[in-house]
Amino acid sequence: MKKARFTETQIVNILKLADSGMKVEDICRQNGISNATYYNWKSKYGGMEANDVKRLKELEDENAKLKKLFAEVSLENHAMKELFAKKGW
């Protein structure tokens, strides 16, 4: 996976520049990002503070772990059902 150029905290700070009155085009040029990137960030991180972003990242990580755990348990459950069906239980 490609390493991000900006941390979530940096992204929030870049988005706050627009709230302070800077033009989006100037913000994008200054930070070397496209307008599309800016608006993608705004849709994901708009209105958040740095601690909110940290919490979002923690929740996304926890969600990924839980999805992986669920997939493993589901696969194990399916294998057990097949085994029991073969044994006639």
PDB file of N, CA and C in Angstrom:
ATOM      1  N   MET A   1       0.839  -1.181   0.000  1.00  0.00           N
ATOM      2  CA  MET A   1       0.000   0.000   0.000  1.00  0.00           C
ATOM      3  C   MET A   1       0.888   1.249   0.000  1.00  0.00           C
ATOM      4  N   LYS A   2       0.514   2.225  -0.772  1.00  0.00           N
ATOM      5  CA  LYS A   2       1.297   3.444  -0.896  1.00  0.00           C
ATOM      6  C   LYS A   2       1.219   4.261   0.394  1.00  0.00           C
ATOM      7  N   LYS A   3       2.367   4.772   0.824  1.00  0.00           N
ATOM      8  CA  LYS A   3       2.414   5.597   2.030  1.00  0.00           C
ATOM      9  C   LYS A   3       1.842   6.980   1.717  1.00  0.00           C
ATOM     10  N   ALA A   4       1.005   7.456   2.581  1.00  0.00           N
ATOM     11  CA  ALA A   4       0.376   8.758   2.389  1.00  0.00           C
ATOM     12  C   ALA A   4       1.402   9.876   2.580  1.00  0.00           C
ATOM     13  N   ARG A   5       1.275  10.902   1.775  1.00  0.00           N
ATOM     14  CA  ARG A   5       2.176  12.052   1.898  1.00  0.00           C
ATOM     15  C   ARG A   5       1.805  12.930   3.078  1.00  0.00           C
ATOM     16  N   PHE A   6       0.545  12.909   3.458  1.00  0.00           N
ATOM     17  CA  PHE A   6       0.056  13.772   4.523  1.00  0.00           C
ATOM     18  C   PHE A   6      -0.574  12.932   5.621  1.00  0.00           C
ATOM     19  N   THR A   7      -0.330  13.306   6.861  1.00  0.00           N
ATOM     20  CA  THR A   7      -1.006  12.644   7.973  1.00  0.00           C
ATOM     21  C   THR A   7      -2.419  13.207   8.074  1.00  0.00           C
ATOM     22  N   GLU A   8      -3.248  12.519   8.837  1.00  0.00           N
ATOM     23  CA  GLU A   8      -4.617  12.998   9.009  1.00  0.00           C
ATOM     24  C   GLU A   8      -4.635  14.374   9.672  1.00  0.00           C
ATOM     25  N   THR A   9      -3.723  14.599  10.602  1.00  0.00           N
ATOM     26  CA  THR A   9      -3.650  15.895  11.277  1.00  0.00           C
ATOM     27  C   THR A   9      -3.284  16.993  10.282  1.00  0.00           C
ATOM     28  N   GLN A  10      -2.341  16.712   9.394  1.00  0.00           N
ATOM     29  CA  GLN A  10      -1.971  17.689   8.376  1.00  0.00           C
ATOM     30  C   GLN A  10      -3.147  17.975   7.449  1.00  0.00           C
ATOM     31  N   ILE A  11      -3.894  16.947   7.114  1.00  0.00           N
ATOM     32  CA  ILE A  11      -5.057  17.121   6.241  1.00  0.00           C
ATOM     33  C   ILE A  11      -6.077  18.044   6.897  1.00  0.00           C
ATOM     34  N   VAL A  12      -6.348  17.822   8.179  1.00  0.00           N
ATOM     35  CA  VAL A  12      -7.301  18.673   8.899  1.00  0.00           C
ATOM     36  C   VAL A  12      -6.810  20.116   8.907  1.00  0.00           C
ATOM     37  N   ASN A  13      -5.513  20.309   9.121  1.00  0.00           N
ATOM     38  CA  ASN A  13      -4.963  21.669   9.123  1.00  0.00           C
ATOM     39  C   ASN A  13      -5.068  22.317   7.748  1.00  0.00           C
ATOM     40  N   ILE A  14      -4.864  21.549   6.689  1.00  0.00           N
ATOM     41  CA  ILE A  14      -5.017  22.080   5.331  1.00  0.00           C
ATOM     42  C   ILE A  14      -6.468  22.483   5.089  1.00  0.00           C
ATOM     43  N   LEU A  15      -7.406  21.664   5.537  1.00  0.00           N
ATOM     44  CA  LEU A  15      -8.827  21.989   5.354  1.00  0.00           C
ATOM     45  C   LEU A  15      -9.219  23.240   6.137  1.00  0.00           C
ATOM     46  N   LYS A  16      -8.585  23.462   7.278  1.00  0.00           N
ATOM     47  CA  LYS A  16      -8.898  24.650   8.082  1.00  0.00           C
ATOM     48  C   LYS A  16      -8.462  25.936   7.390  1.00  0.00           C
ATOM     49  N   LEU A  17      -7.484  25.832   6.484  1.00  0.00           N
ATOM     50  CA  LEU A  17      -7.052  27.022   5.752  1.00  0.00           C
ATOM     51  C   LEU A  17      -8.203  27.612   4.942  1.00  0.00           C
ATOM     52  N   ALA A  18      -9.046  26.760   4.387  1.00  0.00           N
ATOM     53  CA  ALA A  18     -10.197  27.248   3.617  1.00  0.00           C
ATOM     54  C   ALA A  18     -11.192  27.947   4.534  1.00  0.00           C
ATOM     55  N   ASP A  19     -11.320  27.449   5.755  1.00  0.00           N
ATOM     56  CA  ASP A  19     -12.226  28.091   6.708  1.00  0.00           C
ATOM     57  C   ASP A  19     -11.726  29.476   7.099  1.00  0.00           C
ATOM     58  N   SER A  20     -10.409  29.667   7.036  1.00  0.00           N
ATOM     59  CA  SER A  20      -9.846  30.963   7.404  1.00  0.00           C
ATOM     60  C   SER A  20      -9.925  31.979   6.266  1.00  0.00           C
ATOM     61  N   GLY A  21     -10.430  31.552   5.105  1.00  0.00           N
ATOM     62  CA  GLY A  21     -10.658  32.496   4.021  1.00  0.00           C
ATOM     63  C   GLY A  21      -9.777  32.322   2.801  1.00  0.00           C
ATOM     64  N   MET A  22      -8.829  31.403   2.832  1.00  0.00           N
ATOM     65  CA  MET A  22      -7.984  31.166   1.655  1.00  0.00           C
ATOM     66  C   MET A  22      -8.794  30.493   0.560  1.00  0.00           C
ATOM     67  N   LYS A  23      -8.453  30.779  -0.680  1.00  0.00           N
ATOM     68  CA  LYS A  23      -9.121  30.141  -1.810  1.00  0.00           C
ATOM     69  C   LYS A  23      -8.631  28.703  -1.930  1.00  0.00           C
ATOM     70  N   VAL A  24      -9.537  27.823  -2.340  1.00  0.00           N
ATOM     71  CA  VAL A  24      -9.215  26.403  -2.482  1.00  0.00           C
ATOM     72  C   VAL A  24      -8.076  26.211  -3.477  1.00  0.00           C
ATOM     73  N   GLU A  25      -8.097  26.945  -4.579  1.00  0.00           N
ATOM     74  CA  GLU A  25      -7.048  26.811  -5.592  1.00  0.00           C
ATOM     75  C   GLU A  25      -5.683  27.150  -5.012  1.00  0.00           C
ATOM     76  N   ASP A  26      -5.626  28.202  -4.179  1.00  0.00           N
ATOM     77  CA  ASP A  26      -4.360  28.601  -3.556  1.00  0.00           C
ATOM     78  C   ASP A  26      -3.877  27.547  -2.565  1.00  0.00           C
ATOM     79  N   ILE A  27      -4.796  26.987  -1.811  1.00  0.00           N
ATOM     80  CA  ILE A  27      -4.449  25.943  -0.841  1.00  0.00           C
ATOM     81  C   ILE A  27      -3.877  24.733  -1.571  1.00  0.00           C
ATOM     82  N   CYS A  28      -4.535  24.348  -2.650  1.00  0.00           N
ATOM     83  CA  CYS A  28      -4.082  23.182  -3.418  1.00  0.00           C
ATOM     84  C   CYS A  28      -2.703  23.422  -4.013  1.00  0.00           C
ATOM     85  N   ARG A  29      -2.492  24.585  -4.588  1.00  0.00           N
ATOM     86  CA  ARG A  29      -1.205  24.905  -5.198  1.00  0.00           C
ATOM     87  C   ARG A  29      -0.106  24.935  -4.135  1.00  0.00           C
ATOM     88  N   GLN A  30      -0.401  25.544  -2.998  1.00  0.00           N
ATOM     89  CA  GLN A  30       0.576  25.679  -1.914  1.00  0.00           C
ATOM     90  C   GLN A  30       1.000  24.317  -1.359  1.00  0.00           C
ATOM     91  N   ASN A  31       0.071  23.368  -1.318  1.00  0.00           N
ATOM     92  CA  ASN A  31       0.359  22.061  -0.724  1.00  0.00           C
ATOM     93  C   ASN A  31       0.632  20.967  -1.751  1.00  0.00           C
ATOM     94  N   GLY A  32       0.555  21.307  -3.024  1.00  0.00           N
ATOM     95  CA  GLY A  32       0.864  20.349  -4.081  1.00  0.00           C
ATOM     96  C   GLY A  32      -0.160  19.238  -4.220  1.00  0.00           C
ATOM     97  N   ILE A  33      -1.435  19.590  -4.071  1.00  0.00           N
ATOM     98  CA  ILE A  33      -2.511  18.607  -4.213  1.00  0.00           C
ATOM     99  C   ILE A  33      -3.480  19.086  -5.285  1.00  0.00           C
ATOM    100  N   SER A  34      -4.275  18.169  -5.798  1.00  0.00           N
ATOM    101  CA  SER A  34      -5.276  18.549  -6.799  1.00  0.00           C
ATOM    102  C   SER A  34      -6.556  19.004  -6.103  1.00  0.00           C
ATOM    103  N   ASN A  35      -7.398  19.685  -6.862  1.00  0.00           N
ATOM    104  CA  ASN A  35      -8.695  20.096  -6.313  1.00  0.00           C
ATOM    105  C   ASN A  35      -9.512  18.875  -5.910  1.00  0.00           C
ATOM    106  N   ALA A  36      -9.420  17.806  -6.722  1.00  0.00           N
ATOM    107  CA  ALA A  36     -10.170  16.583  -6.416  1.00  0.00           C
ATOM    108  C   ALA A  36      -9.727  16.001  -5.077  1.00  0.00           C
ATOM    109  N   THR A  37      -8.424  16.004  -4.834  1.00  0.00           N
ATOM    110  CA  THR A  37      -7.910  15.503  -3.553  1.00  0.00           C
ATOM    111  C   THR A  37      -8.447  16.340  -2.404  1.00  0.00           C
ATOM    112  N   TYR A  38      -8.421  17.657  -2.578  1.00  0.00           N
ATOM    113  CA  TYR A  38      -8.939  18.545  -1.536  1.00  0.00           C
ATOM    114  C   TYR A  38     -10.390  18.207  -1.213  1.00  0.00           C
ATOM    115  N   TYR A  39     -11.228  18.064  -2.236  1.00  0.00           N
ATOM    116  CA  TYR A  39     -12.648  17.811  -1.995  1.00  0.00           C
ATOM    117  C   TYR A  39     -12.900  16.398  -1.469  1.00  0.00           C
ATOM    118  N   ASN A  40     -12.060  15.433  -1.851  1.00  0.00           N
ATOM    119  CA  ASN A  40     -12.162  14.096  -1.252  1.00  0.00           C
ATOM    120  C   ASN A  40     -11.851  14.157   0.237  1.00  0.00           C
ATOM    121  N   TRP A  41     -10.791  14.888   0.576  1.00  0.00           N
ATOM    122  CA  TRP A  41     -10.444  15.057   1.990  1.00  0.00           C
ATOM    123  C   TRP A  41     -11.570  15.766   2.726  1.00  0.00           C
ATOM    124  N   LYS A  42     -12.136  16.786   2.095  1.00  0.00           N
ATOM    125  CA  LYS A  42     -13.200  17.557   2.743  1.00  0.00           C
ATOM    126  C   LYS A  42     -14.411  16.678   3.035  1.00  0.00           C
ATOM    127  N   SER A  43     -14.731  15.771   2.103  1.00  0.00           N
ATOM    128  CA  SER A  43     -15.885  14.899   2.335  1.00  0.00           C
ATOM    129  C   SER A  43     -15.615  13.908   3.467  1.00  0.00           C
ATOM    130  N   LYS A  44     -14.354  13.503   3.628  1.00  0.00           N
ATOM    131  CA  LYS A  44     -14.028  12.530   4.670  1.00  0.00           C
ATOM    132  C   LYS A  44     -13.725  13.193   6.013  1.00  0.00           C
ATOM    133  N   TYR A  45     -12.960  14.285   5.993  1.00  0.00           N
ATOM    134  CA  TYR A  45     -12.468  14.892   7.232  1.00  0.00           C
ATOM    135  C   TYR A  45     -13.073  16.254   7.542  1.00  0.00           C
ATOM    136  N   GLY A  46     -13.972  16.756   6.699  1.00  0.00           N
ATOM    137  CA  GLY A  46     -14.525  18.088   6.901  1.00  0.00           C
ATOM    138  C   GLY A  46     -15.228  18.227   8.241  1.00  0.00           C
ATOM    139  N   GLY A  47     -14.929  19.290   8.954  1.00  0.00           N
ATOM    140  CA  GLY A  47     -15.559  19.558  10.239  1.00  0.00           C
ATOM    141  C   GLY A  47     -14.946  18.809  11.409  1.00  0.00           C
ATOM    142  N   MET A  48     -13.878  18.072  11.162  1.00  0.00           N
ATOM    143  CA  MET A  48     -13.247  17.308  12.241  1.00  0.00           C
ATOM    144  C   MET A  48     -12.090  18.086  12.849  1.00  0.00           C
ATOM    145  N   GLU A  49     -11.809  17.760  14.077  1.00  0.00           N
ATOM    146  CA  GLU A  49     -10.618  18.253  14.759  1.00  0.00           C
ATOM    147  C   GLU A  49      -9.578  17.142  14.723  1.00  0.00           C
ATOM    148  N   ALA A  50      -8.357  17.454  15.118  1.00  0.00           N
ATOM    149  CA  ALA A  50      -7.264  16.477  15.066  1.00  0.00           C
ATOM    150  C   ALA A  50      -7.569  15.246  15.915  1.00  0.00           C
ATOM    151  N   ASN A  51      -8.152  15.443  17.106  1.00  0.00           N
ATOM    152  CA  ASN A  51      -8.454  14.287  17.967  1.00  0.00           C
ATOM    153  C   ASN A  51      -9.593  13.443  17.390  1.00  0.00           C
ATOM    154  N   ASP A  52     -10.510  14.072  16.646  1.00  0.00           N
ATOM    155  CA  ASP A  52     -11.575  13.318  15.978  1.00  0.00           C
ATOM    156  C   ASP A  52     -10.991  12.403  14.904  1.00  0.00           C
ATOM    157  N   VAL A  53     -10.004  12.907  14.196  1.00  0.00           N
ATOM    158  CA  VAL A  53      -9.366  12.124  13.137  1.00  0.00           C
ATOM    159  C   VAL A  53      -8.627  10.939  13.738  1.00  0.00           C
ATOM    160  N   LYS A  54      -7.968  11.171  14.866  1.00  0.00           N
ATOM    161  CA  LYS A  54      -7.259  10.081  15.547  1.00  0.00           C
ATOM    162  C   LYS A  54      -8.252   9.000  15.961  1.00  0.00           C
ATOM    163  N   ARG A  55      -9.378   9.398  16.492  1.00  0.00           N
ATOM    164  CA  ARG A  55     -10.410   8.444  16.914  1.00  0.00           C
ATOM    165  C   ARG A  55     -10.982   7.705  15.704  1.00  0.00           C
ATOM    166  N   LEU A  56     -11.194   8.409  14.602  1.00  0.00           N
ATOM    167  CA  LEU A  56     -11.681   7.778  13.377  1.00  0.00           C
ATOM    168  C   LEU A  56     -10.702   6.707  12.910  1.00  0.00           C
ATOM    169  N   LYS A  57      -9.420   7.019  12.928  1.00  0.00           N
ATOM    170  CA  LYS A  57      -8.396   6.056  12.508  1.00  0.00           C
ATOM    171  C   LYS A  57      -8.407   4.832  13.421  1.00  0.00           C
ATOM    172  N   GLU A  58      -8.529   5.049  14.739  1.00  0.00           N
ATOM    173  CA  GLU A  58      -8.593   3.927  15.682  1.00  0.00           C
ATOM    174  C   GLU A  58      -9.805   3.045  15.391  1.00  0.00           C
ATOM    175  N   LEU A  59     -10.947   3.663  15.132  1.00  0.00           N
ATOM    176  CA  LEU A  59     -12.163   2.904  14.843  1.00  0.00           C
ATOM    177  C   LEU A  59     -12.054   2.142  13.522  1.00  0.00           C
ATOM    178  N   GLU A  60     -11.433   2.754  12.519  1.00  0.00           N
ATOM    179  CA  GLU A  60     -11.242   2.059  11.244  1.00  0.00           C
ATOM    180  C   GLU A  60     -10.329   0.849  11.417  1.00  0.00           C
ATOM    181  N   ASP A  61      -9.263   1.003  12.215  1.00  0.00           N
ATOM    182  CA  ASP A  61      -8.351  -0.121  12.479  1.00  0.00           C
ATOM    183  C   ASP A  61      -9.064  -1.236  13.232  1.00  0.00           C
ATOM    184  N   GLU A  62      -9.840  -0.853  14.250  1.00  0.00           N
ATOM    185  CA  GLU A  62     -10.584  -1.845  15.021  1.00  0.00           C
ATOM    186  C   GLU A  62     -11.598  -2.568  14.134  1.00  0.00           C
ATOM    187  N   ASN A  63     -12.262  -1.822  13.270  1.00  0.00           N
ATOM    188  CA  ASN A  63     -13.241  -2.414  12.359  1.00  0.00           C
ATOM    189  C   ASN A  63     -12.575  -3.424  11.427  1.00  0.00           C
ATOM    190  N   ALA A  64     -11.402  -3.091  10.916  1.00  0.00           N
ATOM    191  CA  ALA A  64     -10.681  -4.009  10.027  1.00  0.00           C
ATOM    192  C   ALA A  64     -10.303  -5.295  10.767  1.00  0.00           C
ATOM    193  N   LYS A  65      -9.855  -5.165  12.016  1.00  0.00           N
ATOM    194  CA  LYS A  65      -9.501  -6.348  12.814  1.00  0.00           C
ATOM    195  C   LYS A  65     -10.727  -7.219  13.063  1.00  0.00           C
ATOM    196  N   LEU A  66     -11.847  -6.586  13.384  1.00  0.00           N
ATOM    197  CA  LEU A  66     -13.070  -7.338  13.650  1.00  0.00           C
ATOM    198  C   LEU A  66     -13.583  -8.035  12.389  1.00  0.00           C
ATOM    199  N   LYS A  67     -13.474  -7.388  11.247  1.00  0.00           N
ATOM    200  CA  LYS A  67     -13.885  -8.023   9.989  1.00  0.00           C
ATOM    201  C   LYS A  67     -13.028  -9.245   9.698  1.00  0.00           C
ATOM    202  N   LYS A  68     -11.727  -9.133   9.940  1.00  0.00           N
ATOM    203  CA  LYS A  68     -10.823 -10.261   9.717  1.00  0.00           C
ATOM    204  C   LYS A  68     -11.159 -11.403  10.671  1.00  0.00           C
ATOM    205  N   LEU A  69     -11.396 -11.074  11.938  1.00  0.00           N
ATOM    206  CA  LEU A  69     -11.751 -12.078  12.934  1.00  0.00           C
ATOM    207  C   LEU A  69     -13.061 -12.764  12.555  1.00  0.00           C
ATOM    208  N   PHE A  70     -14.045 -11.990  12.112  1.00  0.00           N
ATOM    209  CA  PHE A  70     -15.325 -12.554  11.702  1.00  0.00           C
ATOM    210  C   PHE A  70     -15.149 -13.509  10.528  1.00  0.00           C
ATOM    211  N   ALA A  71     -14.327 -13.122   9.560  1.00  0.00           N
ATOM    212  CA  ALA A  71     -14.094 -13.981   8.394  1.00  0.00           C
ATOM    213  C   ALA A  71     -13.460 -15.302   8.813  1.00  0.00           C
ATOM    214  N   GLU A  72     -12.501 -15.242   9.737  1.00  0.00           N
ATOM    215  CA  GLU A  72     -11.847 -16.463  10.208  1.00  0.00           C
ATOM    216  C   GLU A  72     -12.830 -17.371  10.938  1.00  0.00           C
ATOM    217  N   VAL A  73     -13.632 -16.798  11.826  1.00  0.00           N
ATOM    218  CA  VAL A  73     -14.601 -17.579  12.593  1.00  0.00           C
ATOM    219  C   VAL A  73     -15.672 -18.146  11.666  1.00  0.00           C
ATOM    220  N   SER A  74     -16.103 -17.361  10.701  1.00  0.00           N
ATOM    221  CA  SER A  74     -17.109 -17.824   9.755  1.00  0.00           C
ATOM    222  C   SER A  74     -16.586 -19.000   8.930  1.00  0.00           C
ATOM    223  N   LEU A  75     -15.344 -18.914   8.496  1.00  0.00           N
ATOM    224  CA  LEU A  75     -14.728 -19.998   7.733  1.00  0.00           C
ATOM    225  C   LEU A  75     -14.600 -21.253   8.589  1.00  0.00           C
ATOM    226  N   GLU A  76     -14.186 -21.073   9.825  1.00  0.00           N
ATOM    227  CA  GLU A  76     -14.066 -22.207  10.750  1.00  0.00           C
ATOM    228  C   GLU A  76     -15.434 -22.837  11.001  1.00  0.00           C
ATOM    229  N   ASN A  77     -16.457 -22.017  11.177  1.00  0.00           N
ATOM    230  CA  ASN A  77     -17.815 -22.501  11.405  1.00  0.00           C
ATOM    231  C   ASN A  77     -18.299 -23.312  10.203  1.00  0.00           C
ATOM    232  N   HIS A  78     -18.036 -22.809   9.018  1.00  0.00           N
ATOM    233  CA  HIS A  78     -18.441 -23.509   7.798  1.00  0.00           C
ATOM    234  C   HIS A  78     -17.744 -24.867   7.707  1.00  0.00           C
ATOM    235  N   ALA A  79     -16.459 -24.908   8.033  1.00  0.00           N
ATOM    236  CA  ALA A  79     -15.707 -26.168   7.995  1.00  0.00           C
ATOM    237  C   ALA A  79     -16.262 -27.163   9.015  1.00  0.00           C
ATOM    238  N   MET A  80     -16.618 -26.680  10.194  1.00  0.00           N
ATOM    239  CA  MET A  80     -17.177 -27.559  11.228  1.00  0.00           C
ATOM    240  C   MET A  80     -18.531 -28.117  10.785  1.00  0.00           C
ATOM    241  N   LYS A  81     -19.360 -27.294  10.157  1.00  0.00           N
ATOM    242  CA  LYS A  81     -20.657 -27.763   9.668  1.00  0.00           C
ATOM    243  C   LYS A  81     -20.478 -28.858   8.626  1.00  0.00           C
ATOM    244  N   GLU A  82     -19.519 -28.683   7.729  1.00  0.00           N
ATOM    245  CA  GLU A  82     -19.252 -29.713   6.726  1.00  0.00           C
ATOM    246  C   GLU A  82     -18.765 -31.000   7.377  1.00  0.00           C
ATOM    247  N   LEU A  83     -17.901 -30.877   8.375  1.00  0.00           N
ATOM    248  CA  LEU A  83     -17.387 -32.043   9.082  1.00  0.00           C
ATOM    249  C   LEU A  83     -18.522 -32.785   9.784  1.00  0.00           C
ATOM    250  N   PHE A  84     -19.386 -32.046  10.463  1.00  0.00           N
ATOM    251  CA  PHE A  84     -20.508 -32.674  11.166  1.00  0.00           C
ATOM    252  C   PHE A  84     -21.474 -33.326  10.181  1.00  0.00           C
ATOM    253  N   ALA A  85     -21.659 -32.717   9.021  1.00  0.00           N
ATOM    254  CA  ALA A  85     -22.546 -33.296   8.010  1.00  0.00           C
ATOM    255  C   ALA A  85     -21.982 -34.621   7.501  1.00  0.00           C
ATOM    256  N   LYS A  86     -20.677 -34.707   7.344  1.00  0.00           N
ATOM    257  CA  LYS A  86     -20.046 -35.940   6.882  1.00  0.00           C
ATOM    258  C   LYS A  86     -20.116 -37.030   7.950  1.00  0.00           C
ATOM    259  N   LYS A  87     -19.994 -36.630   9.216  1.00  0.00           N
ATOM    260  CA  LYS A  87     -20.025 -37.592  10.319  1.00  0.00           C
ATOM    261  C   LYS A  87     -21.456 -38.024  10.647  1.00  0.00           C
ATOM    262  N   GLY A  88     -22.420 -37.255  10.174  1.00  0.00           N
ATOM    263  CA  GLY A  88     -23.816 -37.586  10.432  1.00  0.00           C
ATOM    264  C   GLY A  88     -24.331 -37.079  11.772  1.00  0.00           C
ATOM    265  N   TRP A  89     -23.712 -36.065  12.310  1.00  0.00           N
ATOM    266  CA  TRP A  89     -24.150 -35.514  13.600  1.00  0.00           C
ATOM    267  C   TRP A  89     -25.224 -34.529  13.408  1.00  0.00           C
TER     268      TRP A  89
END
